[in-house]
PDB file of N, CA and C in Angstrom:
ATOM      1  N   MET A   1     213.115 113.037  82.903  1.00  0.00           N
ATOM      2  CA  MET A   1     212.104 114.064  82.857  1.00  0.00           C
ATOM      3  C   MET A   1     212.783 115.426  82.963  1.00  0.00           C
ATOM      4  N   ARG A   2     212.269 116.406  82.269  1.00  0.00           N
ATOM      5  CA  ARG A   2     212.841 117.748  82.331  1.00  0.00           C
ATOM      6  C   ARG A   2     212.606 118.354  83.704  1.00  0.00           C
ATOM      7  N   THR A   3     213.525 119.192  84.143  1.00  0.00           N
ATOM      8  CA  THR A   3     213.354 119.854  85.429  1.00  0.00           C
ATOM      9  C   THR A   3     212.447 121.060  85.265  1.00  0.00           C
ATOM     10  N   PHE A   4     211.726 121.363  86.316  1.00  0.00           N
ATOM     11  CA  PHE A   4     210.835 122.513  86.300  1.00  0.00           C
ATOM     12  C   PHE A   4     211.659 123.765  86.492  1.00  0.00           C
ATOM     13  N   GLY A   5     211.320 124.819  85.819  1.00  0.00           N
ATOM     14  CA  GLY A   5     212.029 126.071  85.983  1.00  0.00           C
ATOM     15  C   GLY A   5     211.110 127.245  85.756  1.00  0.00           C
ATOM     16  N   PHE A   6     211.495 128.368  86.286  1.00  0.00           N
ATOM     17  CA  PHE A   6     210.739 129.591  86.079  1.00  0.00           C
ATOM     18  C   PHE A   6     211.404 130.380  84.961  1.00  0.00           C
ATOM     19  N   HIS A   7     210.626 130.669  83.931  1.00  0.00           N
ATOM     20  CA  HIS A   7     211.115 131.390  82.768  1.00  0.00           C
ATOM     21  C   HIS A   7     210.185 132.552  82.478  1.00  0.00           C
ATOM     22  N   LYS A   8     210.608 133.444  81.606  1.00  0.00           N
ATOM     23  CA  LYS A   8     209.761 134.568  81.216  1.00  0.00           C
ATOM     24  C   LYS A   8     208.420 134.046  80.704  1.00  0.00           C
ATOM     25  N   ASN A   9     207.347 134.701  81.108  1.00  0.00           N
ATOM     26  CA  ASN A   9     205.957 134.384  80.758  1.00  0.00           C
ATOM     27  C   ASN A   9     205.400 133.148  81.461  1.00  0.00           C
ATOM     28  N   THR A  10     206.144 132.562  82.404  1.00  0.00           N
ATOM     29  CA  THR A  10     205.593 131.474  83.210  1.00  0.00           C
ATOM     30  C   THR A  10     204.501 132.058  84.097  1.00  0.00           C
ATOM     31  N   VAL A  11     203.366 131.389  84.172  1.00  0.00           N
ATOM     32  CA  VAL A  11     202.240 131.838  84.992  1.00  0.00           C
ATOM     33  C   VAL A  11     202.049 130.837  86.122  1.00  0.00           C
ATOM     34  N   PHE A  12     201.876 131.359  87.339  1.00  0.00           N
ATOM     35  CA  PHE A  12     201.704 130.495  88.507  1.00  0.00           C
ATOM     36  C   PHE A  12     200.853 131.207  89.544  1.00  0.00           C
ATOM     37  N   ILE A  13     200.383 130.433  90.507  1.00  0.00           N
ATOM     38  CA  ILE A  13     199.567 130.977  91.597  1.00  0.00           C
ATOM     39  C   ILE A  13     200.416 130.952  92.861  1.00  0.00           C
ATOM     40  N   ARG A  14     200.507 132.095  93.507  1.00  0.00           N
ATOM     41  CA  ARG A  14     201.299 132.228  94.734  1.00  0.00           C
ATOM     42  C   ARG A  14     200.477 133.031  95.733  1.00  0.00           C
ATOM     43  N   HIS A  15     200.276 132.475  96.916  1.00  0.00           N
ATOM     44  CA  HIS A  15     199.483 133.129  97.960  1.00  0.00           C
ATOM     45  C   HIS A  15     198.088 133.504  97.446  1.00  0.00           C
ATOM     46  N   GLY A  16     197.521 132.651  96.599  1.00  0.00           N
ATOM     47  CA  GLY A  16     196.172 132.871  96.105  1.00  0.00           C
ATOM     48  C   GLY A  16     196.051 133.876  94.955  1.00  0.00           C
ATOM     49  N   LYS A  17     197.170 134.437  94.504  1.00  0.00           N
ATOM     50  CA  LYS A  17     197.140 135.391  93.397  1.00  0.00           C
ATOM     51  C   LYS A  17     197.873 134.807  92.201  1.00  0.00           C
ATOM     52  N   THR A  18     197.412 135.138  91.001  1.00  0.00           N
ATOM     53  CA  THR A  18     198.028 134.648  89.772  1.00  0.00           C
ATOM     54  C   THR A  18     199.053 135.656  89.284  1.00  0.00           C
ATOM     55  N   TYR A  19     200.281 135.164  89.060  1.00  0.00           N
ATOM     56  CA  TYR A  19     201.377 136.008  88.609  1.00  0.00           C
ATOM     57  C   TYR A  19     201.950 135.492  87.304  1.00  0.00           C
ATOM     58  N   LYS A  20     202.511 136.404  86.538  1.00  0.00           N
ATOM     59  CA  LYS A  20     203.255 136.063  85.328  1.00  0.00           C
ATOM     60  C   LYS A  20     204.643 136.664  85.461  1.00  0.00           C
ATOM     61  N   ILE A  21     205.672 135.890  85.111  1.00  0.00           N
ATOM     62  CA  ILE A  21     207.029 136.420  85.145  1.00  0.00           C
ATOM     63  C   ILE A  21     207.215 137.296  83.918  1.00  0.00           C
ATOM     64  N   GLU A  22     207.387 138.566  84.163  1.00  0.00           N
ATOM     65  CA  GLU A  22     207.541 139.536  83.085  1.00  0.00           C
ATOM     66  C   GLU A  22     209.002 139.637  82.637  1.00  0.00           C
ATOM     67  N   ARG A  23     209.918 139.561  83.610  1.00  0.00           N
ATOM     68  CA  ARG A  23     211.340 139.711  83.288  1.00  0.00           C
ATOM     69  C   ARG A  23     212.182 139.085  84.388  1.00  0.00           C
ATOM     70  N   ILE A  24     213.334 138.533  84.006  1.00  0.00           N
ATOM     71  CA  ILE A  24     214.315 138.020  84.957  1.00  0.00           C
ATOM     72  C   ILE A  24     215.610 138.770  84.699  1.00  0.00           C
ATOM     73  N   THR A  25     216.120 139.430  85.731  1.00  0.00           N
ATOM     74  CA  THR A  25     217.326 140.231  85.573  1.00  0.00           C
ATOM     75  C   THR A  25     218.572 139.364  85.703  1.00  0.00           C
ATOM     76  N   PRO A  26     219.715 139.853  85.240  1.00  0.00           N
ATOM     77  CA  PRO A  26     220.959 139.082  85.349  1.00  0.00           C
ATOM     78  C   PRO A  26     221.347 138.745  86.794  1.00  0.00           C
ATOM     79  N   ASP A  27     220.890 139.566  87.764  1.00  0.00           N
ATOM     80  CA  ASP A  27     221.217 139.274  89.160  1.00  0.00           C
ATOM     81  C   ASP A  27     220.128 138.432  89.846  1.00  0.00           C
ATOM     82  N   ASP A  28     219.375 137.668  89.049  1.00  0.00           N
ATOM     83  CA  ASP A  28     218.366 136.721  89.528  1.00  0.00           C
ATOM     84  C   ASP A  28     217.212 137.360  90.307  1.00  0.00           C
ATOM     85  N   GLN A  29     216.824 138.557  89.908  1.00  0.00           N
ATOM     86  CA  GLN A  29     215.607 139.174  90.425  1.00  0.00           C
ATOM     87  C   GLN A  29     214.510 138.952  89.388  1.00  0.00           C
ATOM     88  N   MET A  30     213.285 138.719  89.848  1.00  0.00           N
ATOM     89  CA  MET A  30     212.163 138.479  88.948  1.00  0.00           C
ATOM     90  C   MET A  30     211.156 139.614  89.072  1.00  0.00           C
ATOM     91  N   LEU A  31     210.748 140.141  87.926  1.00  0.00           N
ATOM     92  CA  LEU A  31     209.678 141.123  87.881  1.00  0.00           C
ATOM     93  C   LEU A  31     208.394 140.347  87.625  1.00  0.00           C
ATOM     94  N   LEU A  32     207.495 140.344  88.610  1.00  0.00           N
ATOM     95  CA  LEU A  32     206.251 139.584  88.524  1.00  0.00           C
ATOM     96  C   LEU A  32     205.083 140.536  88.310  1.00  0.00           C
ATOM     97  N   GLU A  33     204.189 140.167  87.387  1.00  0.00           N
ATOM     98  CA  GLU A  33     202.972 140.938  87.140  1.00  0.00           C
ATOM     99  C   GLU A  33     201.789 140.180  87.701  1.00  0.00           C
ATOM    100  N   SER A  34     201.015 140.835  88.550  1.00  0.00           N
ATOM    101  CA  SER A  34     199.775 140.240  89.039  1.00  0.00           C
ATOM    102  C   SER A  34     198.753 140.323  87.913  1.00  0.00           C
ATOM    103  N   LEU A  35     198.231 139.174  87.477  1.00  0.00           N
ATOM    104  CA  LEU A  35     197.274 139.179  86.370  1.00  0.00           C
ATOM    105  C   LEU A  35     195.906 139.686  86.792  1.00  0.00           C
ATOM    106  N   GLU A  36     195.632 139.718  88.105  1.00  0.00           N
ATOM    107  CA  GLU A  36     194.350 140.248  88.574  1.00  0.00           C
ATOM    108  C   GLU A  36     194.362 141.770  88.657  1.00  0.00           C
ATOM    109  N   THR A  37     195.468 142.333  89.172  1.00  0.00           N
ATOM    110  CA  THR A  37     195.496 143.773  89.439  1.00  0.00           C
ATOM    111  C   THR A  37     196.399 144.549  88.491  1.00  0.00           C
ATOM    112  N   GLY A  38     197.312 143.864  87.815  1.00  0.00           N
ATOM    113  CA  GLY A  38     198.257 144.541  86.941  1.00  0.00           C
ATOM    114  C   GLY A  38     199.459 145.117  87.681  1.00  0.00           C
ATOM    115  N   GLU A  39     199.515 144.922  89.003  1.00  0.00           N
ATOM    116  CA  GLU A  39     200.637 145.425  89.792  1.00  0.00           C
ATOM    117  C   GLU A  39     201.896 144.629  89.496  1.00  0.00           C
ATOM    118  N   PHE A  40     203.044 145.284  89.676  1.00  0.00           N
ATOM    119  CA  PHE A  40     204.335 144.631  89.508  1.00  0.00           C
ATOM    120  C   PHE A  40     205.045 144.560  90.852  1.00  0.00           C
ATOM    121  N   ILE A  41     205.687 143.419  91.102  1.00  0.00           N
ATOM    122  CA  ILE A  41     206.529 143.285  92.285  1.00  0.00           C
ATOM    123  C   ILE A  41     207.846 142.645  91.860  1.00  0.00           C
ATOM    124  N   ILE A  42     208.870 142.872  92.661  1.00  0.00           N
ATOM    125  CA  ILE A  42     210.169 142.269  92.398  1.00  0.00           C
ATOM    126  C   ILE A  42     210.476 141.282  93.515  1.00  0.00           C
ATOM    127  N   GLU A  43     210.831 140.067  93.129  1.00  0.00           N
ATOM    128  CA  GLU A  43     211.198 139.022  94.085  1.00  0.00           C
ATOM    129  C   GLU A  43     212.480 138.368  93.606  1.00  0.00           C
ATOM    130  N   SER A  44     213.251 137.841  94.543  1.00  0.00           N
ATOM    131  CA  SER A  44     214.449 137.112  94.151  1.00  0.00           C
ATOM    132  C   SER A  44     214.050 135.725  93.644  1.00  0.00           C
ATOM    133  N   ARG A  45     214.842 135.206  92.718  1.00  0.00           N
ATOM    134  CA  ARG A  45     214.588 133.853  92.205  1.00  0.00           C
ATOM    135  C   ARG A  45     214.630 132.843  93.360  1.00  0.00           C
ATOM    136  N   GLN A  46     215.556 133.049  94.293  1.00  0.00           N
ATOM    137  CA  GLN A  46     215.677 132.126  95.418  1.00  0.00           C
ATOM    138  C   GLN A  46     214.406 132.095  96.263  1.00  0.00           C
ATOM    139  N   GLN A  47     213.798 133.270  96.503  1.00  0.00           N
ATOM    140  CA  GLN A  47     212.555 133.317  97.276  1.00  0.00           C
ATOM    141  C   GLN A  47     211.430 132.575  96.558  1.00  0.00           C
ATOM    142  N   ILE A  48     211.348 132.749  95.250  1.00  0.00           N
ATOM    143  CA  ILE A  48     210.323 132.057  94.464  1.00  0.00           C
ATOM    144  C   ILE A  48     210.561 130.546  94.515  1.00  0.00           C
ATOM    145  N   LEU A  49     211.818 130.134  94.378  1.00  0.00           N
ATOM    146  CA  LEU A  49     212.131 128.703  94.445  1.00  0.00           C
ATOM    147  C   LEU A  49     211.838 128.132  95.826  1.00  0.00           C
ATOM    148  N   ASP A  50     212.132 128.892  96.880  1.00  0.00           N
ATOM    149  CA  ASP A  50     211.822 128.432  98.241  1.00  0.00           C
ATOM    150  C   ASP A  50     210.313 128.263  98.427  1.00  0.00           C
ATOM    151  N   ASP A  51     209.542 129.229  97.906  1.00  0.00           N
ATOM    152  CA  ASP A  51     208.077 129.117  97.975  1.00  0.00           C
ATOM    153  C   ASP A  51     207.591 127.899  97.193  1.00  0.00           C
ATOM    154  N   TYR A  52     208.223 127.628  96.067  1.00  0.00           N
ATOM    155  CA  TYR A  52     207.850 126.456  95.263  1.00  0.00           C
ATOM    156  C   TYR A  52     208.136 125.169  96.034  1.00  0.00           C
ATOM    157  N   LYS A  53     209.309 125.107  96.681  1.00  0.00           N
ATOM    158  CA  LYS A  53     209.688 123.905  97.448  1.00  0.00           C
ATOM    159  C   LYS A  53     208.717 123.630  98.586  1.00  0.00           C
ATOM    160  N   THR A  54     208.212 124.691  99.211  1.00  0.00           N
ATOM    161  CA  THR A  54     207.312 124.519 100.350  1.00  0.00           C
ATOM    162  C   THR A  54     205.847 124.406  99.936  1.00  0.00           C
ATOM    163  N   GLY A  55     205.571 124.410  98.637  1.00  0.00           N
ATOM    164  CA  GLY A  55     204.207 124.207  98.154  1.00  0.00           C
ATOM    165  C   GLY A  55     203.352 125.453  98.121  1.00  0.00           C
ATOM    166  N   LYS A  56     203.953 126.625  98.256  1.00  0.00           N
ATOM    167  CA  LYS A  56     203.190 127.875  98.229  1.00  0.00           C
ATOM    168  C   LYS A  56     202.905 128.345  96.811  1.00  0.00           C
ATOM    169  N   ILE A  57     203.487 127.654  95.820  1.00  0.00           N
ATOM    170  CA  ILE A  57     203.276 128.015  94.417  1.00  0.00           C
ATOM    171  C   ILE A  57     202.640 126.834  93.701  1.00  0.00           C
ATOM    172  N   GLN A  58     201.617 127.127  92.897  1.00  0.00           N
ATOM    173  CA  GLN A  58     200.921 126.112  92.112  1.00  0.00           C
ATOM    174  C   GLN A  58     200.940 126.518  90.643  1.00  0.00           C
ATOM    175  N   ALA A  59     200.891 125.519  89.774  1.00  0.00           N
ATOM    176  CA  ALA A  59     200.775 125.807  88.343  1.00  0.00           C
ATOM    177  C   ALA A  59     199.407 126.426  88.087  1.00  0.00           C
ATOM    178  N   SER A  60     199.343 127.287  87.108  1.00  0.00           N
ATOM    179  CA  SER A  60     198.082 127.930  86.760  1.00  0.00           C
ATOM    180  C   SER A  60     197.568 127.381  85.443  1.00  0.00           C
ATOM    181  N   ASN A  61     196.312 126.962  85.416  1.00  0.00           N
ATOM    182  CA  ASN A  61     195.692 126.499  84.178  1.00  0.00           C
ATOM    183  C   ASN A  61     195.306 127.665  83.281  1.00  0.00           C
ATOM    184  N   GLU A  62     195.159 128.847  83.870  1.00  0.00           N
ATOM    185  CA  GLU A  62     194.720 129.999  83.096  1.00  0.00           C
ATOM    186  C   GLU A  62     195.801 130.464  82.134  1.00  0.00           C
ATOM    187  N   GLY A  63     197.033 130.429  82.576  1.00  0.00           N
ATOM    188  CA  GLY A  63     198.131 130.858  81.731  1.00  0.00           C
ATOM    189  C   GLY A  63     197.998 132.308  81.328  1.00  0.00           C
ATOM    190  N   VAL A  64     198.571 132.643  80.214  1.00  0.00           N
ATOM    191  CA  VAL A  64     198.601 134.020  79.757  1.00  0.00           C
ATOM    192  C   VAL A  64     197.349 134.333  78.939  1.00  0.00           C
ATOM    193  N   GLN A  65     196.466 133.370  78.742  1.00  0.00           N
ATOM    194  CA  GLN A  65     195.301 133.595  77.897  1.00  0.00           C
ATOM    195  C   GLN A  65     194.467 134.771  78.378  1.00  0.00           C
ATOM    196  N   ASN A  66     194.416 135.001  79.692  1.00  0.00           N
ATOM    197  CA  ASN A  66     193.580 136.078  80.210  1.00  0.00           C
ATOM    198  C   ASN A  66     194.296 137.408  80.298  1.00  0.00           C
ATOM    199  N   SER A  67     195.552 137.455  79.946  1.00  0.00           N
ATOM    200  CA  SER A  67     196.295 138.706  80.063  1.00  0.00           C
ATOM    201  C   SER A  67     196.146 139.531  78.792  1.00  0.00           C
ATOM    202  N   GLU A  68     196.594 140.743  78.867  1.00  0.00           N
ATOM    203  CA  GLU A  68     196.554 141.649  77.718  1.00  0.00           C
ATOM    204  C   GLU A  68     197.417 141.124  76.578  1.00  0.00           C
ATOM    205  N   LEU A  69     198.470 140.374  76.898  1.00  0.00           N
ATOM    206  CA  LEU A  69     199.367 139.849  75.877  1.00  0.00           C
ATOM    207  C   LEU A  69     198.598 139.026  74.848  1.00  0.00           C
ATOM    208  N   MET A  70     197.705 138.157  75.309  1.00  0.00           N
ATOM    209  CA  MET A  70     196.978 137.295  74.393  1.00  0.00           C
ATOM    210  C   MET A  70     196.001 138.091  73.527  1.00  0.00           C
ATOM    211  N   LYS A  71     195.513 139.209  74.021  1.00  0.00           N
ATOM    212  CA  LYS A  71     194.595 140.021  73.233  1.00  0.00           C
ATOM    213  C   LYS A  71     195.310 140.699  72.069  1.00  0.00           C
ATOM    214  N   GLN A  72     196.637 140.844  72.182  1.00  0.00           N
ATOM    215  CA  GLN A  72     197.402 141.530  71.157  1.00  0.00           C
ATOM    216  C   GLN A  72     197.902 140.583  70.066  1.00  0.00           C
ATOM    217  N   ILE A  73     197.818 139.291  70.280  1.00  0.00           N
ATOM    218  CA  ILE A  73     198.378 138.325  69.343  1.00  0.00           C
ATOM    219  C   ILE A  73     197.362 138.012  68.245  1.00  0.00           C
ATOM    220  N   TYR A  74     197.792 138.099  67.003  1.00  0.00           N
ATOM    221  CA  TYR A  74     196.932 137.765  65.875  1.00  0.00           C
ATOM    222  C   TYR A  74     197.041 136.268  65.611  1.00  0.00           C
ATOM    223  N   SER A  75     195.944 135.654  65.317  1.00  0.00           N
ATOM    224  CA  SER A  75     195.989 134.249  64.914  1.00  0.00           C
ATOM    225  C   SER A  75     194.981 134.041  63.789  1.00  0.00           C
ATOM    226  N   ARG A  76     195.358 133.233  62.839  1.00  0.00           N
ATOM    227  CA  ARG A  76     194.464 132.989  61.709  1.00  0.00           C
ATOM    228  C   ARG A  76     193.564 131.798  62.034  1.00  0.00           C
ATOM    229  N   PRO A  77     192.446 131.670  61.329  1.00  0.00           N
ATOM    230  CA  PRO A  77     191.530 130.555  61.578  1.00  0.00           C
ATOM    231  C   PRO A  77     192.214 129.209  61.305  1.00  0.00           C
ATOM    232  N   LEU A  78     191.891 128.207  62.107  1.00  0.00           N
ATOM    233  CA  LEU A  78     192.473 126.879  61.915  1.00  0.00           C
ATOM    234  C   LEU A  78     192.128 126.305  60.550  1.00  0.00           C
ATOM    235  N   SER A  79     190.990 126.681  60.021  1.00  0.00           N
ATOM    236  CA  SER A  79     190.591 126.140  58.714  1.00  0.00           C
ATOM    237  C   SER A  79     191.533 126.570  57.588  1.00  0.00           C
ATOM    238  N   ASP A  80     192.347 127.602  57.819  1.00  0.00           N
ATOM    239  CA  ASP A  80     193.314 128.054  56.817  1.00  0.00           C
ATOM    240  C   ASP A  80     194.582 127.209  56.792  1.00  0.00           C
ATOM    241  N   LEU A  81     194.761 126.375  57.788  1.00  0.00           N
ATOM    242  CA  LEU A  81     195.994 125.591  57.885  1.00  0.00           C
ATOM    243  C   LEU A  81     195.931 124.333  57.015  1.00  0.00           C
ATOM    244  N   PRO A  82     197.101 123.828  56.590  1.00  0.00           N
ATOM    245  CA  PRO A  82     197.121 122.588  55.803  1.00  0.00           C
ATOM    246  C   PRO A  82     196.608 121.397  56.627  1.00  0.00           C
ATOM    247  N   GLU A  83     196.108 120.386  55.949  1.00  0.00           N
ATOM    248  CA  GLU A  83     195.523 119.214  56.612  1.00  0.00           C
ATOM    249  C   GLU A  83     196.529 118.523  57.542  1.00  0.00           C
ATOM    250  N   LYS A  84     197.779 118.436  57.111  1.00  0.00           N
ATOM    251  CA  LYS A  84     198.808 117.787  57.940  1.00  0.00           C
ATOM    252  C   LYS A  84     198.979 118.532  59.271  1.00  0.00           C
ATOM    253  N   THR A  85     198.989 119.851  59.208  1.00  0.00           N
ATOM    254  CA  THR A  85     199.126 120.662  60.423  1.00  0.00           C
ATOM    255  C   THR A  85     197.903 120.499  61.315  1.00  0.00           C
ATOM    256  N   LEU A  86     196.712 120.467  60.720  1.00  0.00           N
ATOM    257  CA  LEU A  86     195.487 120.261  61.502  1.00  0.00           C
ATOM    258  C   LEU A  86     195.506 118.919  62.221  1.00  0.00           C
ATOM    259  N   THR A  87     195.998 117.892  61.560  1.00  0.00           N
ATOM    260  CA  THR A  87     196.093 116.568  62.180  1.00  0.00           C
ATOM    261  C   THR A  87     197.027 116.608  63.386  1.00  0.00           C
ATOM    262  N   GLN A  88     198.156 117.284  63.251  1.00  0.00           N
ATOM    263  CA  GLN A  88     199.107 117.409  64.360  1.00  0.00           C
ATOM    264  C   GLN A  88     198.490 118.195  65.527  1.00  0.00           C
ATOM    265  N   ILE A  89     197.774 119.258  65.210  1.00  0.00           N
ATOM    266  CA  ILE A  89     197.134 120.077  66.244  1.00  0.00           C
ATOM    267  C   ILE A  89     196.098 119.251  67.008  1.00  0.00           C
ATOM    268  N   LYS A  90     195.278 118.495  66.288  1.00  0.00           N
ATOM    269  CA  LYS A  90     194.252 117.666  66.937  1.00  0.00           C
ATOM    270  C   LYS A  90     194.880 116.614  67.839  1.00  0.00           C
ATOM    271  N   ARG A  91     195.999 116.019  67.382  1.00  0.00           N
ATOM    272  CA  ARG A  91     196.695 115.011  68.184  1.00  0.00           C
ATOM    273  C   ARG A  91     197.233 115.641  69.475  1.00  0.00           C
ATOM    274  N   ARG A  92     197.846 116.802  69.350  1.00  0.00           N
ATOM    275  CA  ARG A  92     198.402 117.481  70.526  1.00  0.00           C
ATOM    276  C   ARG A  92     197.310 117.932  71.488  1.00  0.00           C
ATOM    277  N   LYS A  93     196.203 118.425  70.922  1.00  0.00           N
ATOM    278  CA  LYS A  93     195.079 118.844  71.771  1.00  0.00           C
ATOM    279  C   LYS A  93     194.522 117.663  72.543  1.00  0.00           C
ATOM    280  N   HIS A  94     194.383 116.529  71.883  1.00  0.00           N
ATOM    281  CA  HIS A  94     193.896 115.330  72.560  1.00  0.00           C
ATOM    282  C   HIS A  94     194.840 114.925  73.700  1.00  0.00           C
ATOM    283  N   TYR A  95     196.129 115.010  73.443  1.00  0.00           N
ATOM    284  CA  TYR A  95     197.128 114.668  74.449  1.00  0.00           C
ATOM    285  C   TYR A  95     196.993 115.590  75.668  1.00  0.00           C
ATOM    286  N   LEU A  96     196.916 116.900  75.435  1.00  0.00           N
ATOM    287  CA  LEU A  96     196.805 117.850  76.540  1.00  0.00           C
ATOM    288  C   LEU A  96     195.475 117.719  77.277  1.00  0.00           C
ATOM    289  N   THR A  97     194.400 117.511  76.536  1.00  0.00           N
ATOM    290  CA  THR A  97     193.092 117.332  77.165  1.00  0.00           C
ATOM    291  C   THR A  97     193.106 116.123  78.095  1.00  0.00           C
ATOM    292  N   SER A  98     193.737 115.042  77.657  1.00  0.00           N
ATOM    293  CA  SER A  98     193.833 113.837  78.487  1.00  0.00           C
ATOM    294  C   SER A  98     194.607 114.096  79.769  1.00  0.00           C
ATOM    295  N   ILE A  99     195.680 114.866  79.672  1.00  0.00           N
ATOM    296  CA  ILE A  99     196.474 115.199  80.868  1.00  0.00           C
ATOM    297  C   ILE A  99     195.633 116.002  81.849  1.00  0.00           C
ATOM    298  N   TYR A 100     194.944 117.039  81.367  1.00  0.00           N
ATOM    299  CA  TYR A 100     194.171 117.897  82.255  1.00  0.00           C
ATOM    300  C   TYR A 100     192.910 117.222  82.792  1.00  0.00           C
ATOM    301  N   GLU A 101     192.380 116.232  82.096  1.00  0.00           N
ATOM    302  CA  GLU A 101     191.240 115.476  82.628  1.00  0.00           C
ATOM    303  C   GLU A 101     191.659 114.674  83.852  1.00  0.00           C
ATOM    304  N   TYR A 102     192.906 114.257  83.889  1.00  0.00           N
ATOM    305  CA  TYR A 102     193.422 113.487  85.018  1.00  0.00           C
ATOM    306  C   TYR A 102     193.632 114.375  86.233  1.00  0.00           C
ATOM    307  N   GLY A 103     193.890 115.661  86.014  1.00  0.00           N
ATOM    308  CA  GLY A 103     194.126 116.612  87.107  1.00  0.00           C
ATOM    309  C   GLY A 103     195.189 117.609  86.718  1.00  0.00           C
ATOM    310  N   THR A 104     195.406 118.582  87.589  1.00  0.00           N
ATOM    311  CA  THR A 104     196.419 119.602  87.336  1.00  0.00           C
ATOM    312  C   THR A 104     197.803 118.964  87.367  1.00  0.00           C
ATOM    313  N   PRO A 105     198.638 119.237  86.369  1.00  0.00           N
ATOM    314  CA  PRO A 105     199.988 118.659  86.368  1.00  0.00           C
ATOM    315  C   PRO A 105     200.795 119.118  87.571  1.00  0.00           C
ATOM    316  N   ILE A 106     201.645 118.233  88.046  1.00  0.00           N
ATOM    317  CA  ILE A 106     202.540 118.543  89.150  1.00  0.00           C
ATOM    318  C   ILE A 106     203.952 118.555  88.596  1.00  0.00           C
ATOM    319  N   PHE A 107     204.657 119.653  88.807  1.00  0.00           N
ATOM    320  CA  PHE A 107     206.008 119.786  88.289  1.00  0.00           C
ATOM    321  C   PHE A 107     207.004 119.367  89.365  1.00  0.00           C
ATOM    322  N   THR A 108     207.962 118.522  88.986  1.00  0.00           N
ATOM    323  CA  THR A 108     208.960 118.061  89.934  1.00  0.00           C
ATOM    324  C   THR A 108     210.346 118.365  89.399  1.00  0.00           C
ATOM    325  N   ARG A 109     211.347 118.252  90.249  1.00  0.00           N
ATOM    326  CA  ARG A 109     212.723 118.515  89.856  1.00  0.00           C
ATOM    327  C   ARG A 109     213.286 117.372  89.034  1.00  0.00           C
ATOM    328  N   ASP A 110     212.855 116.144  89.224  1.00  0.00           N
ATOM    329  CA  ASP A 110     213.398 114.988  88.501  1.00  0.00           C
ATOM    330  C   ASP A 110     212.394 114.412  87.542  1.00  0.00           C
TER     331      ASP A 110
END
């Protein structure tokens, strides 16, 4: 299984607030954007990982869909896509829907 990691645009809930990783600096500092308030904070990667280990961080189902980023992205109607692509999209959607019906995914190191 792939290991869980924090990457740019990862969205998570920490201390009851939803954050998105806006940037990770070369010295392992993370610029976090609060999706509720738009505020930015800087935290060390180690602090975020420690919070994750102790269960203070949860995966967010909301993701970036509610942020300004998603409002800026253009997408064409699904009906414009080829039939083969639509079939693949429906298969993937069914797979993800089944996972989320079971409950929120839990990310582990192994």
